[in-house]
């Protein structure tokens, strides 16, 4: 079996976690890192030895030995980084949020289709065992008719906070950084809402320090979604039906989450058995990308372009209602 050779654009914390988990993907090899400085690339290579240490993103995108590139740069760079890779015929796994808005998203997808090159949003939660189990239980009707989704995601950033959290030029704010997971969960369980209400509390930089979102559906279902940088929340999700409830415990978006099933009263808890591999949980999406590449797919059959477009459209709508804008919206 031919090994699929990976490169990573961006040498930060997420890139390091992804690189660490690639060792659990038997047909994958990390061979290249691309950063904006040679020092950063060299530092990354000390921790994760790679064959190529590029001092620019363009050099990595042009490396003929690289099959697929994971983009782990700040939100505001995803659009240009993805286009750069696609122009050079490289398959792309782009970290969430996929782009800053729907316009950028459609441009990225259009180029992937034109070039017939694989592209997928790196929404890692969708490929993790606990999430797949939750979907299976909902699909089997174990909760009956879904009436509500309650999702909370909040933490107090360290001092000083990473620039990406509050800098509008980097796409800062809770909605794009963590609130995206709440919206993703609501869309997964309830689909596209009929109406959206949203409100935010601005930080001193103007980005949302807190964001409260309400999805409403014509069948009476609702999703209440809250994200904040002002409090350390449980970061869990309740999916409630007329026959039972599922709680994805803290942290609902990664493999530390447990699936609790409540078929009756609040004290009727059953903990559903889930098998997780070692690591952070990025290997599941990487393994899926490898599978897609081996099948010759240009689009994932699990996390489709339509899924990514819908998620970004909903983020755009929430931002419009709540009054959250970025420079990319003006172009």
Foldseek 3Di string as FASTA:
>chain_A
DAAAEEEEEDQDDVVLQLLVLQVVQVRYDYAEYEYCAQVSQVVSCVVVPHNYRHNHLLVVLQPPRHAAYEYDAFQACLLVSLVSNLVSQHAYAYEPPNHLFLVSLVVSVVSLVVSVHAYYYQLLLLQAFQNVVVLVCVVVCLQPAWAEKEFEAEEAADVVHPCCQQALSRVHAFCRPPLLVLLLVCCSRPNAAPDKAKAFDADPNGHGQKMWMWGAHPVNHIYTTIYHNPDHDQCKMWTHHPQWIWIFTPVNSWPVTWIWIGRDDPPRTDTDDTDDDDGGRSVRVVNQVVVCVVVSHRARPRCGSVNSSSSRNVSVVNCVNHVGDHPVVVD
